[in-house]
Every structure is written in structure tokens, then in C-alpha cells.
Protein backbone atom coordinates (compact mmCIF):
# COMPACT_ATOMS: atom_id res chain seq x y z
CA UNK A 1 11.77 -2.43 -5.18
CA UNK A 2 10.05 -4.16 -2.32
CA UNK A 3 9.02 -7.73 -1.60
CA UNK A 4 7.04 -9.05 1.36
CA UNK A 5 5.92 -12.52 2.40
CA UNK A 6 3.93 -13.64 5.40
CA UNK A 7 4.54 -16.91 7.21
CA UNK A 8 2.22 -18.73 9.59
CA UNK A 9 5.04 -20.61 11.28
CA UNK A 10 4.77 -23.99 9.58
CA UNK A 11 6.46 -23.24 6.25
CA UNK A 12 10.00 -24.51 5.77
CA UNK A 13 12.69 -21.88 6.31
CA UNK A 14 14.04 -22.92 2.92
CA UNK A 15 10.95 -21.26 1.40
CA UNK A 16 12.06 -17.87 2.75
CA UNK A 17 15.54 -18.41 1.28
CA UNK A 18 14.10 -19.38 -2.10
CA UNK A 19 11.79 -16.35 -2.16
CA UNK A 20 14.81 -14.16 -1.37
CA UNK A 21 16.85 -15.63 -4.24
CA UNK A 22 13.92 -15.19 -6.64
CA UNK A 23 13.39 -11.56 -5.58
CA UNK A 24 17.07 -10.68 -6.05
CA UNK A 25 17.17 -12.45 -9.43
CA UNK A 26 14.17 -10.35 -10.47
CA UNK A 27 15.86 -7.18 -9.22
CA UNK A 28 18.84 -7.95 -11.47
CA UNK A 29 16.84 -9.06 -14.51
CA UNK A 30 14.04 -6.50 -14.50
CA UNK A 31 15.76 -3.49 -12.97
CA UNK A 32 19.41 -3.95 -13.93
CA UNK A 33 20.61 -3.67 -10.34
CA UNK A 34 23.82 -5.64 -9.87
CA UNK A 35 23.72 -8.17 -7.03
CA UNK A 36 27.08 -9.83 -6.41
CA UNK A 37 27.24 -13.54 -5.65
CA UNK A 38 28.59 -12.67 -2.20
CA UNK A 39 25.67 -10.33 -1.54
CA UNK A 40 23.19 -12.97 -2.68
CA UNK A 41 24.72 -15.50 -0.27
CA UNK A 42 24.82 -12.99 2.61
CA UNK A 43 21.21 -11.86 2.12
CA UNK A 44 20.08 -15.47 2.00
CA UNK A 45 22.05 -16.20 5.21
CA UNK A 46 20.55 -13.19 7.00
CA UNK A 47 17.03 -14.18 5.94
CA UNK A 48 17.62 -17.73 7.14
CA UNK A 49 18.95 -16.60 10.52
CA UNK A 50 16.19 -14.04 11.16
CA UNK A 51 13.37 -16.36 10.10
CA UNK A 52 14.88 -19.17 12.18
CA UNK A 53 14.87 -16.84 15.21
CA UNK A 54 11.17 -16.11 14.75
CA UNK A 55 10.46 -19.84 14.68
CA UNK A 56 12.47 -20.50 17.83
CA UNK A 57 11.49 -17.49 19.94
CA UNK A 58 8.23 -16.11 18.56
CA UNK A 59 5.98 -18.94 17.46
CA UNK A 60 3.19 -17.75 15.24
CA UNK A 61 2.98 -15.46 12.25
CA UNK A 62 5.93 -13.51 10.90
CA UNK A 63 6.53 -11.17 7.98
CA UNK A 64 9.64 -11.01 5.81
CA UNK A 65 10.27 -7.79 3.87
CA UNK A 66 13.08 -7.10 1.41
CA UNK A 67 13.68 -3.59 0.10
CA UNK A 68 16.40 -2.61 -2.35
CA UNK A 69 17.59 0.96 -1.90
CA UNK A 70 20.82 2.92 -2.34
CA UNK A 71 23.04 -0.05 -3.20
CA UNK A 72 21.82 -2.30 -0.42
CA UNK A 73 18.95 -4.54 0.53
CA UNK A 74 17.15 -4.11 3.82
CA UNK A 75 16.07 -7.47 5.25
CA UNK A 76 13.34 -6.98 7.85
CA UNK A 77 11.51 -9.65 9.80
CA UNK A 78 8.53 -8.83 11.99
CA UNK A 79 7.15 -11.19 14.61
CA UNK A 80 4.61 -10.88 17.42
CA UNK A 81 7.04 -11.32 20.33
CA UNK A 82 7.86 -7.86 21.77
CA UNK A 83 11.05 -9.05 23.50
CA UNK A 84 14.23 -8.02 21.68
CA UNK A 85 16.56 -10.84 20.70
CA UNK A 86 19.48 -11.57 23.01
CA UNK A 87 22.71 -10.49 21.36
CA UNK A 88 25.39 -12.55 23.02
CA UNK A 89 29.05 -11.51 23.06
CA UNK A 90 31.35 -13.45 20.75
CA UNK A 91 32.39 -16.78 22.26
CA UNK A 92 34.24 -19.26 20.04
CA UNK A 93 33.59 -22.06 22.55
CA UNK A 94 29.78 -21.63 22.49
CA UNK A 95 27.93 -24.15 20.36
CA UNK A 96 25.09 -22.46 18.48
CA UNK A 97 23.39 -19.11 19.04
CA UNK A 98 25.79 -17.24 16.74
CA UNK A 99 23.13 -16.05 14.28
CA UNK A 100 22.81 -12.44 15.41
CA UNK A 101 26.56 -12.24 15.92
CA UNK A 102 27.05 -13.28 12.27
CA UNK A 103 24.37 -10.88 11.03
CA UNK A 104 25.95 -7.96 12.88
CA UNK A 105 29.35 -8.85 11.38
CA UNK A 106 28.10 -8.81 7.76
CA UNK A 107 25.48 -6.05 7.90
CA UNK A 108 26.03 -2.37 7.12
CA UNK A 109 23.36 -1.60 9.72
CA UNK A 110 21.38 -3.61 12.25
CA UNK A 111 18.29 -2.35 14.07
CA UNK A 112 15.61 -3.65 16.40
CA UNK A 113 12.35 -1.70 16.54
CA UNK A 114 9.44 -2.36 18.85
CA UNK A 115 6.14 -2.25 17.01
CA UNK A 116 2.63 -1.71 18.40
CA UNK A 117 2.49 -5.51 18.31
CA UNK A 118 5.80 -7.36 18.43
CA UNK A 119 9.09 -6.21 16.97
CA UNK A 120 10.89 -5.74 13.66
CA UNK A 121 14.54 -6.72 13.20
CA UNK A 122 16.29 -5.14 10.18
CA UNK A 123 19.71 -5.75 8.67
CA UNK A 124 21.09 -3.87 5.65
CA UNK A 125 23.38 -5.78 3.28
CA UNK A 126 25.45 -4.20 0.47
CA UNK A 127 24.51 -5.52 -2.97
CA UNK A 128 28.06 -5.27 -4.33
CA UNK A 129 31.46 -5.28 -2.64
């Protein structure tokens, strides 16, 4: 089960979150795959953080892909900026820039791949505890 959506850079980030919720609701209804409330919230958070990063650091088009496989959902966001995101060390006194830190804390796996154009950032989230 795969879902993809392209963004030009002007759509509200809330649209990506809503598309994510709709996709996971469809996964449950049509395919009988259990998605816990916690997983739904975490996937929505990861989507929001990754799409926000593309808006801040890679203006222009981006692509969100969601793929359900083996009890998890892979959240992947492609953008045209080839530079990998800066993963800062934890710092409770820092205001902001905790998105990737949060994603890495909740994800089963986190990867950054350079593409022929740009990069793809992927986080895998368990669908049930």
C-alpha cells in the first residue's frame, strides 16, 4: 500500500497531515491493517516535520510518499536540495530545530539518501506498539 503526493511549495503543511490521516484510515478500512492511535499521531508528526523542513531549507517542489510494509509505515520526503539536513545534538536549552531529533527518537529507522536530483529523507514508524 503506497501513497504519494507532490507539493509545489505553497500548499499548507496541514494538507500533508490530512492526506496522511486519510491514507492511514484507508489502510485500516480497506486492508484491515491495524494502525494504533499513537502510530497515527507519530506518522502525522513525522510528516509535518519533514514537510516543514522542505519548506524552510529546500524551497520548491517536494514529494511525500507513504508506504505500509511489515508492520510499519515508511514516510519519505524528497526535495531538490542535495544538502543533507543538519542533525543537531540534543540541547534542552535550544529553542526550535528539534524536528529531526524528535523524528530519530520515534522512528524505527531513519535514512538520508542523495538522489540524482536532491535528496530523500525516510523515517519508518511502527503501526502498532
